[in-house]
Protein backbone atom coordinates (compact mmCIF):
# COMPACT_ATOMS: atom_id res chain seq x y z
CA MET A 1 210.59 49.58 54.98
CA TYR A 2 212.75 52.05 55.48
CA GLN A 3 212.67 54.21 58.64
CA VAL A 4 215.43 57.38 59.23
CA ASP A 5 215.08 59.39 62.23
CA THR A 6 217.33 62.44 60.64
CA ILE A 7 216.57 65.27 58.12
CA SER A 8 220.81 64.26 56.56
CA GLU A 9 219.27 60.58 57.16
CA GLN A 10 216.21 60.86 54.95
CA LEU A 11 218.62 63.12 52.09
CA GLU A 12 221.21 60.35 51.78
CA LEU A 13 218.58 57.57 51.61
CA ILE A 14 216.69 60.21 48.77
CA GLN A 15 220.04 60.63 47.14
CA ASN A 16 220.54 56.98 46.36
CA MET A 17 217.26 55.99 45.58
CA SER A 18 216.28 55.57 40.96
CA ASP A 19 213.40 57.85 39.84
CA GLU A 20 212.14 54.48 39.55
CA ASP A 21 211.79 53.75 43.34
CA MET A 22 211.21 57.51 43.76
CA PHE A 23 208.15 57.26 41.89
CA PHE A 24 207.08 54.04 43.52
CA GLY A 25 208.29 55.77 46.90
CA SER A 26 205.57 58.36 46.48
CA ILE A 27 202.13 56.37 45.29
CA SER A 28 201.14 53.17 46.27
CA PRO A 29 202.25 50.08 44.36
CA GLU A 30 198.68 49.69 43.64
CA GLU A 31 198.73 53.15 41.60
CA GLY A 32 201.77 52.84 40.13
CA GLU A 33 200.13 51.27 36.96
CA THR A 34 197.63 53.52 36.47
CA ILE A 35 199.78 56.13 36.74
CA MET A 36 202.65 54.25 34.14
CA GLU A 37 199.23 53.91 31.95
CA ILE A 38 198.08 57.16 32.36
CA LEU A 39 201.40 58.74 31.33
CA SER A 40 202.57 56.71 28.75
CA GLU A 41 198.38 57.41 27.18
CA VAL A 42 199.29 61.58 27.28
CA ALA A 43 202.73 60.79 25.59
CA ASN A 44 201.05 58.91 22.46
CA GLY A 45 198.22 62.04 22.50
CA ALA A 46 195.79 61.33 24.76
CA ASN A 47 194.51 63.83 26.81
CA HIS A 48 193.63 63.16 30.91
CA ASN A 49 192.32 66.05 33.37
CA CYS A 50 195.65 65.07 35.75
CA VAL A 51 197.79 66.24 33.39
CA HIS A 52 199.27 69.11 32.09
CA SER A 53 202.42 71.21 30.94
CA ILE A 54 202.67 69.28 28.50
CA ASP A 55 206.21 68.79 26.68
CA ILE A 56 207.02 65.70 24.07
CA THR A 57 209.87 65.27 22.07
CA ASN A 58 209.17 62.46 19.38
CA HIS A 59 212.71 60.73 19.17
CA ASN A 60 211.07 58.98 15.81
CA ASP A 61 207.35 56.92 14.96
CA THR A 62 207.10 55.04 17.74
CA ASN A 63 209.75 56.51 20.64
CA VAL A 64 208.65 59.67 22.45
CA THR A 65 210.12 61.85 25.75
CA MET A 66 207.59 63.17 27.68
CA GLN A 67 207.95 66.14 30.58
CA CYS A 68 204.86 67.37 32.54
CA VAL A 69 203.02 68.20 35.54
CA PHE A 70 201.19 65.44 36.81
CA CYS A 71 199.07 65.95 39.53
CA TRP A 72 197.64 62.58 41.87
CA LYS A 73 195.27 63.70 44.94
CA GLY A 74 196.19 66.99 45.37
CA ILE A 75 199.95 66.43 44.92
CA GLU A 76 201.59 68.06 41.42
CA TYR A 77 204.57 66.21 40.38
CA SER A 78 207.52 66.63 37.51
CA VAL A 79 207.57 64.19 35.26
CA GLU A 80 209.92 62.97 32.65
CA LEU A 81 209.68 59.77 30.92
CA ASP A 82 210.58 57.59 27.70
CA ASP A 83 207.84 56.03 25.85
CA GLY A 84 208.13 53.46 23.44
CA ASN A 85 209.15 49.84 21.63
CA TRP A 86 212.80 51.28 22.78
CA ASN A 87 212.04 50.27 26.68
CA GLY A 88 208.43 50.32 27.35
CA THR A 89 207.25 53.16 29.52
CA VAL A 90 210.85 54.75 31.89
CA ILE A 91 210.74 57.19 34.22
CA ASN A 92 214.00 59.55 34.05
CA ASP A 93 212.67 62.01 36.80
CA TRP A 94 209.50 62.24 39.00
CA VAL A 95 210.32 65.30 42.02
CA TRP A 96 206.92 65.81 43.43
CA GLU A 97 205.87 68.73 46.24
CA TRP A 98 206.34 67.89 50.00
CA GLY A 99 205.16 64.37 49.21
CA PHE A 100 208.10 62.59 51.10
CA LEU A 101 208.53 59.27 50.36
CA ASN A 102 205.26 57.75 52.21
CA HIS A 103 205.67 54.34 51.57
CA TYR A 104 209.02 54.38 53.24
CA GLU A 105 207.33 56.64 55.95
CA LEU A 106 210.40 58.91 55.02
CA LEU A 107 208.07 62.06 56.47
CA PRO A 108 209.17 65.65 56.84
CA ILE A 109 209.62 67.00 60.68
CA GLN A 110 206.91 68.92 61.08
CA TYR A 111 206.81 72.97 62.01
CA ASN A 112 204.29 75.27 63.87
CA ILE A 113 204.55 78.03 65.44
CA MET A 114 204.81 78.85 69.37
CA PRO A 115 204.29 81.98 71.69
CA LEU A 116 207.66 83.51 72.96
CA SER A 117 206.46 83.85 76.04
CA PHE A 118 204.99 81.92 78.95
CA PRO A 119 202.45 84.09 81.09
CA ASP A 120 201.91 82.49 84.78
CA ASP A 121 198.40 84.01 85.32
CA PRO A 122 195.51 82.06 84.05
CA ILE A 123 193.85 84.92 81.96
CA SER A 124 197.37 86.47 80.11
CA VAL A 125 197.25 82.59 79.34
CA HIS A 126 193.96 82.63 78.03
CA LEU A 127 194.60 85.72 75.84
CA LEU A 128 197.99 84.17 74.30
CA LEU A 129 196.48 81.18 73.46
CA THR A 130 193.51 83.57 71.40
CA LYS A 131 196.71 84.50 69.74
CA TRP A 132 197.52 81.89 69.06
CA GLU A 133 194.47 80.77 67.46
CA ARG A 134 193.80 83.77 65.34
CA MET A 135 197.71 83.24 64.47
CA ILE A 136 197.17 80.15 62.65
CA GLU A 137 193.50 80.98 61.56
CA SER A 138 194.33 83.67 59.37
CA ARG A 139 197.72 81.66 57.94
CA LYS A 140 199.50 84.83 58.28
CA LEU A 141 202.84 83.30 58.58
CA ASP A 142 202.11 80.26 57.03
CA TYR A 143 205.18 80.92 54.26
CA VAL A 144 207.51 81.91 56.84
CA ILE A 145 206.59 78.54 58.79
CA TYR A 146 206.72 76.68 54.98
CA ASN A 147 209.66 77.95 53.49
CA TYR A 148 211.68 77.71 56.88
CA ALA A 149 210.72 73.72 56.95
CA TYR A 150 211.82 73.94 53.44
CA ASP A 151 214.90 75.22 53.64
CA ARG A 152 216.04 72.71 57.31
CA PHE A 153 215.40 70.25 54.93
CA VAL A 154 216.93 70.79 52.14
CA GLU A 155 220.15 72.34 53.36
CA SER A 156 222.61 70.20 56.21
CA ASP A 157 223.82 73.43 58.02
CA PRO A 158 221.01 74.33 60.61
CA PHE A 159 222.55 77.90 60.70
CA ILE A 160 221.83 79.35 57.70
CA GLN A 161 220.73 82.76 57.14
CA SER A 162 216.99 81.96 56.25
CA LEU A 163 216.44 80.25 59.14
CA HIS A 164 217.61 83.28 61.51
CA HIS A 165 215.65 85.42 58.89
CA TYR A 166 211.42 83.55 58.84
CA ASN A 167 212.46 82.87 62.99
CA GLU A 168 212.77 87.12 62.80
CA MET A 169 209.52 87.64 60.75
CA ALA A 170 207.99 84.84 63.07
CA LYS A 171 209.38 87.27 66.46
CA SER A 172 207.83 90.37 64.76
CA GLU A 173 204.27 88.81 65.75
CA GLY A 174 205.34 87.69 68.70
CA PHE A 175 205.72 84.05 67.66
CA LYS A 176 208.98 81.36 67.03
CA ILE A 177 208.91 78.52 64.92
CA VAL A 178 209.32 75.14 66.49
CA THR A 179 209.07 71.40 65.83
CA GLN A 180 204.93 70.90 66.27
CA PRO A 181 205.67 68.08 68.67
CA VAL A 182 207.25 71.39 70.71
CA ALA A 183 204.12 73.59 69.85
CA ASP A 184 201.67 70.40 71.13
CA GLN A 185 203.87 70.65 74.36
CA PHE A 186 204.07 73.99 74.92
CA ARG A 187 199.88 74.43 74.28
CA GLU A 188 199.46 71.72 76.81
CA GLU A 189 201.20 73.55 79.48
CA LEU A 190 199.61 76.75 78.90
CA MET A 191 196.39 74.48 78.70
CA LYS A 192 197.40 72.88 82.66
CA VAL A 193 197.53 76.69 83.74
CA ILE A 194 193.87 78.12 82.62
CA LYS A 195 192.39 74.62 84.30
């Protein structure tokens, strides 16, 4: 098992992994055989509900290259594979949407919003907590948080302009983007004021 602490360590590990390692790192080993069978069947003309946007290139009667979108447990994967008697079924490319190598215990850093201010009287704290809950429930800033988290993951420079832009968008609503543990700690401190 791998345990890494920083985004740069995650990126370094991911960049050094083969596509097969990426495949088996993003799903459980038990599921790998089933998924390979499904993909091989689809590459050879079968239909499965979990595979769509299929593009197959026939090299000869028995060997094909397939590109598709594969859905598994709510996550979409972009897949390219070769199938046939040349090498069996071989994954050439396996990319997933925020499916950070759970087999290797790599997890993305989770972000959330938290209020900009910390009022000290119980009534203001209660109003702030209510506003915070409503903002989270409305999902108004979800795309901002998602884009911020994505840019933080793929960019090694924490001061890129897009991060500033996302923070400004959150700030216009009275919040800032922070890691989930920081937001949780802030909420705990607010709760102490109203108890």
